[in-house]
Amino acid sequence: MSFVHDVHIFTHVCFNFQIIIMSSFSPLATIITQNKLTGTNFVDWKRNLDILLTAEGHKYVLTTPCPPEPAANASNAVKDIYNWWKKSDELARCYMLGSMSNVLQCQHEKFSTAAELILNLKEMFGEQSRPARQSAMQMVMNTKMSEGTPVREHVLKMIGYLNVLEVLGAEIDGETQVDMILNSLPASFTQYKLNYNMNKLKLSLSELVSSL
């Protein structure tokens, strides 16, 4: 029993030490290490985690499965893709575990990937985000651009609402997000919307801002 207890203590020290090391390389890491997940603050913690993982280029491991382990004779490019995914996943997992309360850390050490870990957290605390998600969705659906106002400001505001929805767990694909923004534009953009649909354009949100 005492051996198991010692192992848990050692694991906690290792994860916290890893976070301290990573924090020295990434000032953004303090966002989550200073605002640890306790349960009731899941929405805020997830938002800060998304900022950190996006800034460091590791967020993709939450939605992209691990590539198959390359064969010994695989090309260096294939091996690099696999190794980079594994490193990104381990960093993401360490950031998560290192920014949790000790109780939650013990409960989530068993998860081998960041995606598995975050999925379990969503199942545990996702209900907290439902009212906020519904409110953010209402903002997206009800916000309309007034004629004569700057389109850039309006679109950036809409993108902000969509980002909030993503943080709160809403899964809206890129094309649908663009459609939601286009539907919020006034009559003066009717021709633009017709051209967009007729030409079957597929712009990212940043490209849409520039195009409009």
C-alpha atoms as a PDB file:
ATOM      1  CA  MET A   1       0.000   0.000   0.000  1.00  0.00           C
ATOM      2  CA  SER A   2       2.798   2.366   0.918  1.00  0.00           C
ATOM      3  CA  PHE A   3       4.614   1.454  -2.303  1.00  0.00           C
ATOM      4  CA  VAL A   4       1.537   2.437  -4.362  1.00  0.00           C
ATOM      5  CA  HIS A   5       1.279   5.672  -2.402  1.00  0.00           C
ATOM      6  CA  ASP A   6       4.953   6.426  -3.080  1.00  0.00           C
ATOM      7  CA  VAL A   7       4.489   5.736  -6.785  1.00  0.00           C
ATOM      8  CA  HIS A   8       1.598   8.226  -6.903  1.00  0.00           C
ATOM      9  CA  ILE A   9       3.695  10.860  -5.137  1.00  0.00           C
ATOM     10  CA  PHE A  10       6.610  10.241  -7.496  1.00  0.00           C
ATOM     11  CA  THR A  11       4.301  10.508 -10.540  1.00  0.00           C
ATOM     12  CA  HIS A  12       2.860  13.813  -9.294  1.00  0.00           C
ATOM     13  CA  VAL A  13       6.332  15.218  -8.731  1.00  0.00           C
ATOM     14  CA  CYS A  14       7.418  14.131 -12.223  1.00  0.00           C
ATOM     15  CA  PHE A  15       4.460  15.744 -13.928  1.00  0.00           C
ATOM     16  CA  ASN A  16       4.786  18.968 -11.966  1.00  0.00           C
ATOM     17  CA  PHE A  17       8.526  19.029 -12.696  1.00  0.00           C
ATOM     18  CA  GLN A  18       7.822  18.543 -16.415  1.00  0.00           C
ATOM     19  CA  ILE A  19       5.397  21.467 -16.367  1.00  0.00           C
ATOM     20  CA  ILE A  20       7.972  23.672 -14.621  1.00  0.00           C
ATOM     21  CA  ILE A  21      10.539  22.805 -17.299  1.00  0.00           C
ATOM     22  CA  MET A  22       8.051  23.418 -20.122  1.00  0.00           C
ATOM     23  CA  SER A  23       6.956  26.675 -18.543  1.00  0.00           C
ATOM     24  CA  SER A  24      10.502  27.977 -18.827  1.00  0.00           C
ATOM     25  CA  PHE A  25      10.291  27.426 -22.580  1.00  0.00           C
ATOM     26  CA  SER A  26       6.682  28.573 -22.968  1.00  0.00           C
ATOM     27  CA  PRO A  27       5.563  31.657 -21.030  1.00  0.00           C
ATOM     28  CA  LEU A  28       1.997  30.812 -22.088  1.00  0.00           C
ATOM     29  CA  ALA A  29       2.114  27.683 -19.939  1.00  0.00           C
ATOM     30  CA  THR A  30       1.580  29.864 -16.869  1.00  0.00           C
ATOM     31  CA  ILE A  31      -1.986  30.401 -18.104  1.00  0.00           C
ATOM     32  CA  ILE A  32      -2.902  26.881 -17.068  1.00  0.00           C
ATOM     33  CA  THR A  33      -0.375  26.223 -14.305  1.00  0.00           C
ATOM     34  CA  GLN A  34      -1.668  29.253 -12.384  1.00  0.00           C
ATOM     35  CA  ASN A  35      -5.321  28.323 -13.004  1.00  0.00           C
ATOM     36  CA  LYS A  36      -5.459  24.628 -12.254  1.00  0.00           C
ATOM     37  CA  LEU A  37      -8.488  22.529 -13.065  1.00  0.00           C
ATOM     38  CA  THR A  38     -10.532  21.755  -9.978  1.00  0.00           C
ATOM     39  CA  GLY A  39     -13.781  20.737 -11.671  1.00  0.00           C
ATOM     40  CA  THR A  40     -16.030  23.754 -11.364  1.00  0.00           C
ATOM     41  CA  ASN A  41     -13.723  25.847 -13.574  1.00  0.00           C
ATOM     42  CA  PHE A  42     -13.604  23.381 -16.482  1.00  0.00           C
ATOM     43  CA  VAL A  43     -14.837  25.847 -19.134  1.00  0.00           C
ATOM     44  CA  ASP A  44     -12.215  28.477 -18.228  1.00  0.00           C
ATOM     45  CA  TRP A  45      -9.478  25.836 -17.928  1.00  0.00           C
ATOM     46  CA  LYS A  46     -10.340  24.350 -21.330  1.00  0.00           C
ATOM     47  CA  ARG A  47     -10.272  27.806 -22.934  1.00  0.00           C
ATOM     48  CA  ASN A  48      -6.791  28.480 -21.533  1.00  0.00           C
ATOM     49  CA  LEU A  49      -5.605  25.021 -22.578  1.00  0.00           C
ATOM     50  CA  ASP A  50      -6.822  25.620 -26.143  1.00  0.00           C
ATOM     51  CA  ILE A  51      -4.915  28.912 -26.263  1.00  0.00           C
ATOM     52  CA  LEU A  52      -1.711  27.206 -25.140  1.00  0.00           C
ATOM     53  CA  LEU A  53      -1.993  24.167 -27.417  1.00  0.00           C
ATOM     54  CA  THR A  54      -2.936  26.304 -30.418  1.00  0.00           C
ATOM     55  CA  ALA A  55      -0.029  28.698 -29.845  1.00  0.00           C
ATOM     56  CA  GLU A  56       2.438  25.812 -29.586  1.00  0.00           C
ATOM     57  CA  GLY A  57       0.983  23.843 -32.499  1.00  0.00           C
ATOM     58  CA  HIS A  58      -0.091  20.794 -30.489  1.00  0.00           C
ATOM     59  CA  LYS A  59      -3.882  21.106 -30.479  1.00  0.00           C
ATOM     60  CA  TYR A  60      -4.263  18.846 -33.527  1.00  0.00           C
ATOM     61  CA  VAL A  61      -3.590  15.734 -31.405  1.00  0.00           C
ATOM     62  CA  LEU A  62      -6.994  16.205 -29.749  1.00  0.00           C
ATOM     63  CA  THR A  63      -8.780  15.570 -33.051  1.00  0.00           C
ATOM     64  CA  THR A  64      -6.221  13.779 -35.246  1.00  0.00           C
ATOM     65  CA  PRO A  65      -5.599  10.060 -34.525  1.00  0.00           C
ATOM     66  CA  CYS A  66      -2.065   8.843 -34.047  1.00  0.00           C
ATOM     67  CA  PRO A  67      -0.500   7.781 -37.369  1.00  0.00           C
ATOM     68  CA  PRO A  68       0.327   4.056 -37.670  1.00  0.00           C
ATOM     69  CA  GLU A  69       3.714   3.181 -36.234  1.00  0.00           C
ATOM     70  CA  PRO A  70       6.096   3.205 -39.194  1.00  0.00           C
ATOM     71  CA  ALA A  71       7.916   0.101 -40.317  1.00  0.00           C
ATOM     72  CA  ALA A  72      11.666  -0.096 -39.901  1.00  0.00           C
ATOM     73  CA  ASN A  73      12.178   0.596 -43.597  1.00  0.00           C
ATOM     74  CA  ALA A  74       9.736   3.521 -43.723  1.00  0.00           C
ATOM     75  CA  SER A  75      10.951   6.842 -45.083  1.00  0.00           C
ATOM     76  CA  ASN A  76      12.304   9.481 -42.743  1.00  0.00           C
ATOM     77  CA  ALA A  77       9.337  11.707 -43.592  1.00  0.00           C
ATOM     78  CA  VAL A  78       6.875   9.040 -42.401  1.00  0.00           C
ATOM     79  CA  LYS A  79       8.896   8.466 -39.235  1.00  0.00           C
ATOM     80  CA  ASP A  80       9.085  12.206 -38.563  1.00  0.00           C
ATOM     81  CA  ILE A  81       5.294  12.578 -38.805  1.00  0.00           C
ATOM     82  CA  TYR A  82       4.796   9.732 -36.351  1.00  0.00           C
ATOM     83  CA  ASN A  83       7.459  10.960 -33.908  1.00  0.00           C
ATOM     84  CA  TRP A  84       6.162  14.547 -34.008  1.00  0.00           C
ATOM     85  CA  TRP A  85       2.611  13.380 -33.244  1.00  0.00           C
ATOM     86  CA  LYS A  86       3.854  11.332 -30.284  1.00  0.00           C
ATOM     87  CA  LYS A  87       5.864  14.274 -28.925  1.00  0.00           C
ATOM     88  CA  SER A  88       2.958  16.684 -29.372  1.00  0.00           C
ATOM     89  CA  ASP A  89       0.590  14.262 -27.675  1.00  0.00           C
ATOM     90  CA  GLU A  90       2.907  13.739 -24.726  1.00  0.00           C
ATOM     91  CA  LEU A  91       3.340  17.497 -24.284  1.00  0.00           C
ATOM     92  CA  ALA A  92      -0.407  18.077 -24.449  1.00  0.00           C
ATOM     93  CA  ARG A  93      -1.003  15.285 -21.927  1.00  0.00           C
ATOM     94  CA  CYS A  94       1.655  16.651 -19.573  1.00  0.00           C
ATOM     95  CA  TYR A  95       0.200  20.143 -19.776  1.00  0.00           C
ATOM     96  CA  MET A  96      -3.201  18.745 -18.835  1.00  0.00           C
ATOM     97  CA  LEU A  97      -2.032  16.566 -15.966  1.00  0.00           C
ATOM     98  CA  GLY A  98       0.292  19.240 -14.625  1.00  0.00           C
ATOM     99  CA  SER A  99      -2.528  21.785 -14.493  1.00  0.00           C
ATOM    100  CA  MET A 100      -5.021  19.662 -12.517  1.00  0.00           C
ATOM    101  CA  SER A 101      -5.710  19.290  -8.847  1.00  0.00           C
ATOM    102  CA  ASN A 102      -3.978  16.278  -7.291  1.00  0.00           C
ATOM    103  CA  VAL A 103      -7.264  14.377  -7.058  1.00  0.00           C
ATOM    104  CA  LEU A 104      -8.051  14.811 -10.747  1.00  0.00           C
ATOM    105  CA  GLN A 105      -4.451  14.034 -11.635  1.00  0.00           C
ATOM    106  CA  CYS A 106      -4.684  10.664  -9.891  1.00  0.00           C
ATOM    107  CA  GLN A 107      -7.904   9.895 -11.762  1.00  0.00           C
ATOM    108  CA  HIS A 108      -6.426  10.671 -15.184  1.00  0.00           C
ATOM    109  CA  GLU A 109      -2.886   9.291 -15.069  1.00  0.00           C
ATOM    110  CA  LYS A 110      -4.131   6.070 -16.683  1.00  0.00           C
ATOM    111  CA  PHE A 111      -5.104   7.735 -19.978  1.00  0.00           C
ATOM    112  CA  SER A 112      -2.365   7.197 -22.540  1.00  0.00           C
ATOM    113  CA  THR A 113      -3.314   9.997 -24.964  1.00  0.00           C
ATOM    114  CA  ALA A 114      -4.396  13.602 -24.615  1.00  0.00           C
ATOM    115  CA  ALA A 115      -7.560  12.916 -26.642  1.00  0.00           C
ATOM    116  CA  GLU A 116      -8.682  10.154 -24.262  1.00  0.00           C
ATOM    117  CA  LEU A 117      -7.957  12.370 -21.288  1.00  0.00           C
ATOM    118  CA  ILE A 118      -9.895  15.387 -22.561  1.00  0.00           C
ATOM    119  CA  LEU A 119     -12.825  13.178 -23.599  1.00  0.00           C
ATOM    120  CA  ASN A 120     -13.133  11.857 -20.065  1.00  0.00           C
ATOM    121  CA  LEU A 121     -12.997  15.381 -18.651  1.00  0.00           C
ATOM    122  CA  LYS A 122     -15.788  16.454 -21.012  1.00  0.00           C
ATOM    123  CA  GLU A 123     -17.901  13.531 -19.819  1.00  0.00           C
ATOM    124  CA  MET A 124     -17.256  14.516 -16.202  1.00  0.00           C
ATOM    125  CA  PHE A 125     -17.749  18.273 -16.477  1.00  0.00           C
ATOM    126  CA  GLY A 126     -19.372  18.867 -19.858  1.00  0.00           C
ATOM    127  CA  GLU A 127     -22.790  19.556 -18.354  1.00  0.00           C
ATOM    128  CA  GLN A 128     -21.390  22.757 -16.851  1.00  0.00           C
ATOM    129  CA  SER A 129     -20.862  24.164 -20.317  1.00  0.00           C
ATOM    130  CA  ARG A 130     -24.327  23.425 -21.732  1.00  0.00           C
ATOM    131  CA  PRO A 131     -26.061  26.667 -20.613  1.00  0.00           C
ATOM    132  CA  ALA A 132     -23.052  28.731 -21.743  1.00  0.00           C
ATOM    133  CA  ARG A 133     -22.997  26.876 -25.071  1.00  0.00           C
ATOM    134  CA  GLN A 134     -26.697  27.562 -25.640  1.00  0.00           C
ATOM    135  CA  SER A 135     -26.163  31.243 -24.848  1.00  0.00           C
ATOM    136  CA  ALA A 136     -23.208  31.483 -27.257  1.00  0.00           C
ATOM    137  CA  MET A 137     -25.218  29.756 -29.983  1.00  0.00           C
ATOM    138  CA  GLN A 138     -27.993  32.293 -29.537  1.00  0.00           C
ATOM    139  CA  MET A 139     -25.457  35.079 -29.969  1.00  0.00           C
ATOM    140  CA  VAL A 140     -24.247  33.538 -33.244  1.00  0.00           C
ATOM    141  CA  MET A 141     -27.757  33.034 -34.600  1.00  0.00           C
ATOM    142  CA  ASN A 142     -29.116  36.420 -33.509  1.00  0.00           C
ATOM    143  CA  THR A 143     -26.183  38.673 -34.417  1.00  0.00           C
ATOM    144  CA  LYS A 144     -26.760  40.479 -37.711  1.00  0.00           C
ATOM    145  CA  MET A 145     -24.577  43.059 -39.381  1.00  0.00           C
ATOM    146  CA  SER A 146     -26.166  46.478 -39.848  1.00  0.00           C
ATOM    147  CA  GLU A 147     -25.898  48.143 -43.241  1.00  0.00           C
ATOM    148  CA  GLY A 148     -23.024  50.620 -43.437  1.00  0.00           C
ATOM    149  CA  THR A 149     -21.027  49.192 -40.526  1.00  0.00           C
ATOM    150  CA  PRO A 150     -17.501  47.723 -41.007  1.00  0.00           C
ATOM    151  CA  VAL A 151     -17.737  44.129 -42.230  1.00  0.00           C
ATOM    152  CA  ARG A 152     -14.320  43.213 -40.809  1.00  0.00           C
ATOM    153  CA  GLU A 153     -15.371  44.064 -37.252  1.00  0.00           C
ATOM    154  CA  HIS A 154     -18.595  42.122 -37.654  1.00  0.00           C
ATOM    155  CA  VAL A 155     -16.905  38.997 -39.009  1.00  0.00           C
ATOM    156  CA  LEU A 156     -14.247  39.055 -36.294  1.00  0.00           C
ATOM    157  CA  LYS A 157     -17.008  39.319 -33.704  1.00  0.00           C
ATOM    158  CA  MET A 158     -18.739  36.286 -35.242  1.00  0.00           C
ATOM    159  CA  ILE A 159     -15.477  34.340 -35.283  1.00  0.00           C
ATOM    160  CA  GLY A 160     -15.081  35.152 -31.594  1.00  0.00           C
ATOM    161  CA  TYR A 161     -18.527  33.693 -30.847  1.00  0.00           C
ATOM    162  CA  LEU A 162     -17.685  30.587 -32.873  1.00  0.00           C
ATOM    163  CA  ASN A 163     -14.420  30.176 -30.963  1.00  0.00           C
ATOM    164  CA  VAL A 164     -16.346  30.323 -27.700  1.00  0.00           C
ATOM    165  CA  LEU A 165     -18.676  27.601 -28.992  1.00  0.00           C
ATOM    166  CA  GLU A 166     -15.698  25.419 -29.860  1.00  0.00           C
ATOM    167  CA  VAL A 167     -14.214  25.867 -26.394  1.00  0.00           C
ATOM    168  CA  LEU A 168     -17.578  24.924 -24.887  1.00  0.00           C
ATOM    169  CA  GLY A 169     -17.614  21.668 -26.828  1.00  0.00           C
ATOM    170  CA  ALA A 170     -19.738  22.516 -29.875  1.00  0.00           C
ATOM    171  CA  GLU A 171     -18.586  20.735 -33.019  1.00  0.00           C
ATOM    172  CA  ILE A 172     -19.278  22.949 -36.040  1.00  0.00           C
ATOM    173  CA  ASP A 173     -17.368  22.186 -39.225  1.00  0.00           C
ATOM    174  CA  GLY A 174     -15.593  24.960 -41.130  1.00  0.00           C
ATOM    175  CA  GLU A 175     -18.103  25.186 -43.996  1.00  0.00           C
ATOM    176  CA  THR A 176     -21.010  25.549 -41.590  1.00  0.00           C
ATOM    177  CA  GLN A 177     -19.177  28.269 -39.694  1.00  0.00           C
ATOM    178  CA  VAL A 178     -18.692  30.206 -42.941  1.00  0.00           C
ATOM    179  CA  ASP A 179     -22.381  29.708 -43.804  1.00  0.00           C
ATOM    180  CA  MET A 180     -23.417  31.069 -40.409  1.00  0.00           C
ATOM    181  CA  ILE A 181     -21.319  34.190 -40.960  1.00  0.00           C
ATOM    182  CA  LEU A 182     -22.617  34.706 -44.499  1.00  0.00           C
ATOM    183  CA  ASN A 183     -26.201  34.409 -43.234  1.00  0.00           C
ATOM    184  CA  SER A 184     -25.514  37.216 -40.776  1.00  0.00           C
ATOM    185  CA  LEU A 185     -24.592  39.697 -43.533  1.00  0.00           C
ATOM    186  CA  PRO A 186     -27.056  42.371 -44.760  1.00  0.00           C
ATOM    187  CA  ALA A 187     -28.755  42.596 -48.175  1.00  0.00           C
ATOM    188  CA  SER A 188     -25.847  44.534 -49.693  1.00  0.00           C
ATOM    189  CA  PHE A 189     -23.829  41.279 -49.639  1.00  0.00           C
ATOM    190  CA  THR A 190     -26.450  39.257 -51.546  1.00  0.00           C
ATOM    191  CA  GLN A 191     -24.378  39.205 -54.738  1.00  0.00           C
ATOM    192  CA  TYR A 192     -21.289  38.133 -52.816  1.00  0.00           C
ATOM    193  CA  LYS A 193     -23.198  35.233 -51.266  1.00  0.00           C
ATOM    194  CA  LEU A 194     -24.570  34.199 -54.675  1.00  0.00           C
ATOM    195  CA  ASN A 195     -21.067  34.209 -56.173  1.00  0.00           C
ATOM    196  CA  TYR A 196     -19.733  32.244 -53.206  1.00  0.00           C
ATOM    197  CA  ASN A 197     -22.333  29.510 -53.627  1.00  0.00           C
ATOM    198  CA  MET A 198     -22.310  29.405 -57.445  1.00  0.00           C
ATOM    199  CA  ASN A 199     -18.533  29.111 -57.580  1.00  0.00           C
ATOM    200  CA  LYS A 200     -18.581  26.525 -54.776  1.00  0.00           C
ATOM    201  CA  LEU A 201     -15.932  28.396 -52.849  1.00  0.00           C
ATOM    202  CA  LYS A 202     -14.488  26.919 -49.666  1.00  0.00           C
ATOM    203  CA  LEU A 203     -12.711  29.628 -47.695  1.00  0.00           C
ATOM    204  CA  SER A 204     -11.282  29.393 -44.206  1.00  0.00           C
ATOM    205  CA  LEU A 205     -12.473  31.986 -41.707  1.00  0.00           C
ATOM    206  CA  SER A 206      -9.291  34.041 -42.135  1.00  0.00           C
ATOM    207  CA  GLU A 207      -9.660  33.876 -45.922  1.00  0.00           C
ATOM    208  CA  LEU A 208     -13.303  34.936 -45.614  1.00  0.00           C
ATOM    209  CA  VAL A 209     -12.287  38.033 -43.658  1.00  0.00           C
ATOM    210  CA  SER A 210      -9.837  39.040 -46.411  1.00  0.00           C
ATOM    211  CA  SER A 211     -12.311  38.238 -49.174  1.00  0.00           C
ATOM    212  CA  LEU A 212     -15.114  40.300 -47.648  1.00  0.00           C
END
